[in-house]
Amino acid sequence: YYDEKLESIVFPDSVEYFGRNVLYGCNNIAAVTVPFVGLERNDANSFFVLFTSYNWEFPDSVKSITVTNETTVKNYSFQSLGNVEEIIYTKGMEAIGTSAFGGCYRLKTIELGDSLKTIDDWAFESCMNIDTVVLPESLEHIGMYAFRRDVLGQVTSLPQSTLEKAESLEQLRWLENGYKMGVGISDVGTVGID
């Protein structure tokens, strides 16, 4: 495509392959709907290709991406798409890969769905504009530094507090330096946090 007037595009579920410059010149497109993320359907190694700005001429105007036929968010799928505000998986998400949304600075809306089981390391690295994340009861694993790398960097640069040293609990450093932390009681199985 090379259409400066195009504002949205819906690729049908029948698409099997995307060319690298499929949206080249579509400088006003705000919404993209695709059946899968990657250059080819069912390509396990297709991370870092379809939406990352490194390999696709991806317009900065895109604010919304909808994926219609996948439930796994592959590693690095949307990394460095700093202008995208909304990502929707219509069939829900079962797994979110490493740094899948890393560098999506303006991402505000992400619906995880009720069937999500894993969030891998750095999944939401530098996603500073997400206001609310509802973690479903199905969640079994949250990887290291899955959320808010910037805050983790601030906290790790603080000296160990007296209480942290005495109790060997890193979260005491957070609390003694004025950071907020939420805690709740659950009747369901625990989630592993690395």
C-alpha atoms as a PDB file:
ATOM      1  CA  TYR A   1       0.000   0.000   0.000  1.00  0.00           C
ATOM      2  CA  TYR A   2       0.985   3.590  -0.451  1.00  0.00           C
ATOM      3  CA  ASP A   3      -2.043   5.593   0.538  1.00  0.00           C
ATOM      4  CA  GLU A   4      -1.645   8.746   2.587  1.00  0.00           C
ATOM      5  CA  LYS A   5      -5.439   9.014   3.077  1.00  0.00           C
ATOM      6  CA  LEU A   6      -5.937   5.516   4.506  1.00  0.00           C
ATOM      7  CA  GLU A   7      -7.036   5.749   8.174  1.00  0.00           C
ATOM      8  CA  SER A   8      -7.583   2.069   9.029  1.00  0.00           C
ATOM      9  CA  ILE A   9      -7.057  -1.348   7.520  1.00  0.00           C
ATOM     10  CA  VAL A  10      -8.411  -4.814   8.333  1.00  0.00           C
ATOM     11  CA  PHE A  11      -6.437  -7.747   6.967  1.00  0.00           C
ATOM     12  CA  PRO A  12      -8.702 -10.833   6.653  1.00  0.00           C
ATOM     13  CA  ASP A  13      -8.043 -14.091   8.513  1.00  0.00           C
ATOM     14  CA  SER A  14      -7.145 -15.696   5.180  1.00  0.00           C
ATOM     15  CA  VAL A  15      -3.847 -13.764   4.965  1.00  0.00           C
ATOM     16  CA  GLU A  16      -0.837 -16.124   5.167  1.00  0.00           C
ATOM     17  CA  TYR A  17       2.091 -13.725   4.617  1.00  0.00           C
ATOM     18  CA  PHE A  18       2.933 -10.018   5.062  1.00  0.00           C
ATOM     19  CA  GLY A  19       5.505  -8.199   2.969  1.00  0.00           C
ATOM     20  CA  ARG A  20       7.984  -6.087   4.951  1.00  0.00           C
ATOM     21  CA  ASN A  21       6.759  -2.729   3.653  1.00  0.00           C
ATOM     22  CA  VAL A  22       3.058  -3.488   3.503  1.00  0.00           C
ATOM     23  CA  LEU A  23       2.126  -0.194   5.218  1.00  0.00           C
ATOM     24  CA  TYR A  24       4.818   1.953   3.641  1.00  0.00           C
ATOM     25  CA  GLY A  25       3.479   5.416   2.863  1.00  0.00           C
ATOM     26  CA  CYS A  26       0.302   5.004   4.935  1.00  0.00           C
ATOM     27  CA  ASN A  27       1.208   7.986   7.085  1.00  0.00           C
ATOM     28  CA  ASN A  28      -2.305   8.701   8.399  1.00  0.00           C
ATOM     29  CA  ILE A  29      -3.362   5.189   9.340  1.00  0.00           C
ATOM     30  CA  ALA A  30      -4.568   5.038  12.948  1.00  0.00           C
ATOM     31  CA  ALA A  31      -5.889   1.468  13.296  1.00  0.00           C
ATOM     32  CA  VAL A  32      -4.559  -1.855  12.011  1.00  0.00           C
ATOM     33  CA  THR A  33      -6.300  -5.251  12.361  1.00  0.00           C
ATOM     34  CA  VAL A  34      -4.307  -8.395  11.565  1.00  0.00           C
ATOM     35  CA  PRO A  35      -4.944 -12.136  12.042  1.00  0.00           C
ATOM     36  CA  PHE A  36      -1.443 -12.808  13.427  1.00  0.00           C
ATOM     37  CA  VAL A  37       1.815 -11.113  14.385  1.00  0.00           C
ATOM     38  CA  GLY A  38       4.838 -11.974  12.255  1.00  0.00           C
ATOM     39  CA  LEU A  39       5.657 -12.177   8.585  1.00  0.00           C
ATOM     40  CA  GLU A  40       4.077 -15.619   8.172  1.00  0.00           C
ATOM     41  CA  ARG A  41       1.237 -17.429   9.898  1.00  0.00           C
ATOM     42  CA  ASN A  42       2.386 -20.090  12.428  1.00  0.00           C
ATOM     43  CA  ASP A  43       6.025 -19.014  12.230  1.00  0.00           C
ATOM     44  CA  ALA A  44       7.393 -19.589  15.725  1.00  0.00           C
ATOM     45  CA  ASN A  45      10.417 -17.411  14.928  1.00  0.00           C
ATOM     46  CA  SER A  46       8.426 -14.455  13.679  1.00  0.00           C
ATOM     47  CA  PHE A  47       9.052 -12.300  16.737  1.00  0.00           C
ATOM     48  CA  PHE A  48      10.629  -8.928  16.167  1.00  0.00           C
ATOM     49  CA  VAL A  49       9.346  -8.666  12.630  1.00  0.00           C
ATOM     50  CA  LEU A  50       5.806  -7.557  11.982  1.00  0.00           C
ATOM     51  CA  PHE A  51       5.320  -4.615  14.242  1.00  0.00           C
ATOM     52  CA  THR A  52       8.763  -3.695  15.462  1.00  0.00           C
ATOM     53  CA  SER A  53       9.984  -0.518  13.887  1.00  0.00           C
ATOM     54  CA  TYR A  54      13.339  -2.165  13.135  1.00  0.00           C
ATOM     55  CA  ASN A  55      12.006  -4.405  10.378  1.00  0.00           C
ATOM     56  CA  TRP A  56       8.812  -2.818   9.141  1.00  0.00           C
ATOM     57  CA  GLU A  57       8.166   0.610   7.778  1.00  0.00           C
ATOM     58  CA  PHE A  58       5.549   1.092  10.482  1.00  0.00           C
ATOM     59  CA  PRO A  59       3.715   4.435  10.490  1.00  0.00           C
ATOM     60  CA  ASP A  60       3.977   6.513  13.671  1.00  0.00           C
ATOM     61  CA  SER A  61       0.306   7.424  13.198  1.00  0.00           C
ATOM     62  CA  VAL A  62      -0.899   3.949  14.291  1.00  0.00           C
ATOM     63  CA  LYS A  63      -2.594   4.181  17.699  1.00  0.00           C
ATOM     64  CA  SER A  64      -4.547   0.896  17.784  1.00  0.00           C
ATOM     65  CA  ILE A  65      -3.618  -2.671  16.821  1.00  0.00           C
ATOM     66  CA  THR A  66      -6.077  -5.571  16.928  1.00  0.00           C
ATOM     67  CA  VAL A  67      -4.980  -9.196  16.523  1.00  0.00           C
ATOM     68  CA  THR A  68      -7.864 -11.507  15.604  1.00  0.00           C
ATOM     69  CA  ASN A  69      -6.504 -15.031  15.373  1.00  0.00           C
ATOM     70  CA  GLU A  70      -3.778 -15.571  18.021  1.00  0.00           C
ATOM     71  CA  THR A  71      -3.728 -16.057  21.774  1.00  0.00           C
ATOM     72  CA  THR A  72       0.037 -15.964  22.345  1.00  0.00           C
ATOM     73  CA  VAL A  73       1.825 -12.623  22.277  1.00  0.00           C
ATOM     74  CA  LYS A  74       5.227 -13.612  20.920  1.00  0.00           C
ATOM     75  CA  ASN A  75       8.546 -12.331  22.248  1.00  0.00           C
ATOM     76  CA  TYR A  76       9.234  -8.744  21.135  1.00  0.00           C
ATOM     77  CA  SER A  77       5.972  -8.604  19.105  1.00  0.00           C
ATOM     78  CA  PHE A  78       5.304  -4.905  19.624  1.00  0.00           C
ATOM     79  CA  GLN A  79       8.645  -3.729  20.985  1.00  0.00           C
ATOM     80  CA  SER A  80       9.497  -0.072  20.399  1.00  0.00           C
ATOM     81  CA  LEU A  81       6.129   0.945  18.957  1.00  0.00           C
ATOM     82  CA  GLY A  82       6.160   4.059  21.089  1.00  0.00           C
ATOM     83  CA  ASN A  83       3.043   5.685  19.611  1.00  0.00           C
ATOM     84  CA  VAL A  84       0.621   2.755  19.948  1.00  0.00           C
ATOM     85  CA  GLU A  85      -1.980   3.393  22.666  1.00  0.00           C
ATOM     86  CA  GLU A  86      -4.144   0.273  22.431  1.00  0.00           C
ATOM     87  CA  ILE A  87      -3.484  -3.403  21.650  1.00  0.00           C
ATOM     88  CA  ILE A  88      -6.366  -5.876  21.557  1.00  0.00           C
ATOM     89  CA  TYR A  89      -6.293  -9.653  21.113  1.00  0.00           C
ATOM     90  CA  THR A  90      -9.899 -10.523  20.258  1.00  0.00           C
ATOM     91  CA  LYS A  91      -9.511 -14.186  21.294  1.00  0.00           C
ATOM     92  CA  GLY A  92      -7.828 -13.193  24.561  1.00  0.00           C
ATOM     93  CA  MET A  93      -4.268 -13.878  25.635  1.00  0.00           C
ATOM     94  CA  GLU A  94      -2.899 -17.123  27.070  1.00  0.00           C
ATOM     95  CA  ALA A  95       0.777 -16.119  27.214  1.00  0.00           C
ATOM     96  CA  ILE A  96       2.746 -12.882  26.874  1.00  0.00           C
ATOM     97  CA  GLY A  97       6.343 -13.288  25.712  1.00  0.00           C
ATOM     98  CA  THR A  98       9.555 -11.563  26.730  1.00  0.00           C
ATOM     99  CA  SER A  99       9.493  -7.813  26.129  1.00  0.00           C
ATOM    100  CA  ALA A 100       6.342  -8.239  24.021  1.00  0.00           C
ATOM    101  CA  PHE A 101       5.231  -4.665  24.701  1.00  0.00           C
ATOM    102  CA  GLY A 102       8.638  -3.268  25.697  1.00  0.00           C
ATOM    103  CA  GLY A 103       9.083   0.351  24.725  1.00  0.00           C
ATOM    104  CA  CYS A 104       5.384   0.961  24.017  1.00  0.00           C
ATOM    105  CA  TYR A 105       5.621   4.221  25.953  1.00  0.00           C
ATOM    106  CA  ARG A 106       2.136   5.484  25.102  1.00  0.00           C
ATOM    107  CA  LEU A 107       0.317   2.169  25.588  1.00  0.00           C
ATOM    108  CA  LYS A 108      -2.752   2.953  27.715  1.00  0.00           C
ATOM    109  CA  THR A 109      -5.122   0.073  27.086  1.00  0.00           C
ATOM    110  CA  ILE A 110      -4.325  -3.616  27.291  1.00  0.00           C
ATOM    111  CA  GLU A 111      -6.958  -6.245  27.992  1.00  0.00           C
ATOM    112  CA  LEU A 112      -5.342  -9.412  29.296  1.00  0.00           C
ATOM    113  CA  GLY A 113      -8.475 -11.580  29.244  1.00  0.00           C
ATOM    114  CA  ASP A 114      -9.571 -14.412  31.522  1.00  0.00           C
ATOM    115  CA  SER A 115      -7.324 -17.182  30.149  1.00  0.00           C
ATOM    116  CA  LEU A 116      -3.865 -15.601  30.612  1.00  0.00           C
ATOM    117  CA  LYS A 117      -1.429 -17.998  32.289  1.00  0.00           C
ATOM    118  CA  THR A 118       2.025 -16.407  31.897  1.00  0.00           C
ATOM    119  CA  ILE A 119       3.599 -12.979  31.603  1.00  0.00           C
ATOM    120  CA  ASP A 120       7.293 -13.346  30.721  1.00  0.00           C
ATOM    121  CA  ASP A 121      10.260 -11.188  31.694  1.00  0.00           C
ATOM    122  CA  TRP A 122      10.213  -7.498  30.735  1.00  0.00           C
ATOM    123  CA  ALA A 123       6.792  -7.948  29.050  1.00  0.00           C
ATOM    124  CA  PHE A 124       5.677  -4.391  29.813  1.00  0.00           C
ATOM    125  CA  GLU A 125       9.107  -2.757  30.093  1.00  0.00           C
ATOM    126  CA  SER A 126       8.805   1.040  29.900  1.00  0.00           C
ATOM    127  CA  CYS A 127       5.010   1.011  29.440  1.00  0.00           C
ATOM    128  CA  MET A 128       4.610   4.056  31.642  1.00  0.00           C
ATOM    129  CA  ASN A 129       1.096   5.101  30.619  1.00  0.00           C
ATOM    130  CA  ILE A 130      -0.878   1.967  31.480  1.00  0.00           C
ATOM    131  CA  ASP A 131      -3.129   3.075  34.326  1.00  0.00           C
ATOM    132  CA  THR A 132      -4.714  -0.212  35.297  1.00  0.00           C
ATOM    133  CA  VAL A 133      -3.857  -3.851  34.773  1.00  0.00           C
ATOM    134  CA  VAL A 134      -6.358  -6.466  35.918  1.00  0.00           C
ATOM    135  CA  LEU A 135      -4.577  -9.765  36.516  1.00  0.00           C
ATOM    136  CA  PRO A 136      -6.929 -12.710  35.907  1.00  0.00           C
ATOM    137  CA  GLU A 137      -7.339 -15.617  38.319  1.00  0.00           C
ATOM    138  CA  SER A 138      -5.909 -17.918  35.626  1.00  0.00           C
ATOM    139  CA  LEU A 139      -2.470 -16.245  35.898  1.00  0.00           C
ATOM    140  CA  GLU A 140       0.223 -18.659  37.087  1.00  0.00           C
ATOM    141  CA  HIS A 141       3.500 -16.819  36.428  1.00  0.00           C
ATOM    142  CA  ILE A 142       4.792 -13.241  36.271  1.00  0.00           C
ATOM    143  CA  GLY A 143       8.370 -12.956  34.991  1.00  0.00           C
ATOM    144  CA  MET A 144      11.155 -10.787  36.309  1.00  0.00           C
ATOM    145  CA  TYR A 145      10.645  -7.062  35.862  1.00  0.00           C
ATOM    146  CA  ALA A 146       7.456  -7.630  33.868  1.00  0.00           C
ATOM    147  CA  PHE A 147       6.199  -4.152  34.791  1.00  0.00           C
ATOM    148  CA  ARG A 148       7.716  -0.684  35.228  1.00  0.00           C
ATOM    149  CA  ARG A 149      11.417  -0.999  34.572  1.00  0.00           C
ATOM    150  CA  ASP A 150      11.877   2.696  35.362  1.00  0.00           C
ATOM    151  CA  VAL A 151      10.638   2.258  38.961  1.00  0.00           C
ATOM    152  CA  LEU A 152      12.736  -0.867  39.448  1.00  0.00           C
ATOM    153  CA  GLY A 153      15.798   1.097  38.326  1.00  0.00           C
ATOM    154  CA  GLN A 154      15.044   3.812  40.867  1.00  0.00           C
ATOM    155  CA  VAL A 155      14.550   1.359  43.716  1.00  0.00           C
ATOM    156  CA  THR A 156      17.646  -0.711  42.973  1.00  0.00           C
ATOM    157  CA  SER A 157      19.783   2.445  43.042  1.00  0.00           C
ATOM    158  CA  LEU A 158      18.644   3.224  46.614  1.00  0.00           C
ATOM    159  CA  PRO A 159      20.835   2.017  49.465  1.00  0.00           C
ATOM    160  CA  GLN A 160      19.570  -0.961  51.458  1.00  0.00           C
ATOM    161  CA  SER A 161      17.505   0.184  54.400  1.00  0.00           C
ATOM    162  CA  THR A 162      18.123  -0.886  57.978  1.00  0.00           C
ATOM    163  CA  LEU A 163      14.915  -2.924  58.039  1.00  0.00           C
ATOM    164  CA  GLU A 164      15.708  -4.571  54.714  1.00  0.00           C
ATOM    165  CA  LYS A 165      19.089  -5.682  56.021  1.00  0.00           C
ATOM    166  CA  ALA A 166      17.585  -6.960  59.266  1.00  0.00           C
ATOM    167  CA  GLU A 167      14.678  -8.852  57.662  1.00  0.00           C
ATOM    168  CA  SER A 168      16.198  -9.705  54.236  1.00  0.00           C
ATOM    169  CA  LEU A 169      13.051  -8.387  52.537  1.00  0.00           C
ATOM    170  CA  GLU A 170      13.663  -6.158  49.519  1.00  0.00           C
ATOM    171  CA  GLN A 171      10.139  -4.717  49.623  1.00  0.00           C
ATOM    172  CA  LEU A 172      11.018  -2.914  52.868  1.00  0.00           C
ATOM    173  CA  ARG A 173      13.381  -0.686  50.865  1.00  0.00           C
ATOM    174  CA  TRP A 174      10.415   0.302  48.699  1.00  0.00           C
ATOM    175  CA  LEU A 175       8.195   1.135  51.653  1.00  0.00           C
ATOM    176  CA  GLU A 176      10.829   3.021  53.640  1.00  0.00           C
ATOM    177  CA  ASN A 177      11.440   5.263  50.617  1.00  0.00           C
ATOM    178  CA  GLY A 178       7.791   6.167  50.102  1.00  0.00           C
ATOM    179  CA  TYR A 179       6.857   3.803  47.268  1.00  0.00           C
ATOM    180  CA  LYS A 180       3.381   2.305  47.355  1.00  0.00           C
ATOM    181  CA  MET A 181       2.786  -1.414  47.273  1.00  0.00           C
ATOM    182  CA  GLY A 182      -0.510  -3.248  47.058  1.00  0.00           C
ATOM    183  CA  VAL A 183      -1.200  -6.405  49.028  1.00  0.00           C
ATOM    184  CA  GLY A 184      -4.327  -8.516  49.092  1.00  0.00           C
ATOM    185  CA  ILE A 185      -5.746 -11.776  50.365  1.00  0.00           C
ATOM    186  CA  SER A 186      -6.714 -14.392  47.815  1.00  0.00           C
ATOM    187  CA  ASP A 187      -8.706 -17.601  47.982  1.00  0.00           C
ATOM    188  CA  VAL A 188      -7.110 -18.906  44.773  1.00  0.00           C
ATOM    189  CA  GLY A 189      -3.697 -20.504  44.166  1.00  0.00           C
ATOM    190  CA  THR A 190      -0.609 -18.311  44.376  1.00  0.00           C
ATOM    191  CA  VAL A 191       1.162 -16.784  41.405  1.00  0.00           C
ATOM    192  CA  GLY A 192       4.896 -17.327  41.062  1.00  0.00           C
ATOM    193  CA  ILE A 193       6.846 -14.061  40.885  1.00  0.00           C
ATOM    194  CA  ASP A 194      10.545 -14.274  40.078  1.00  0.00           C
END
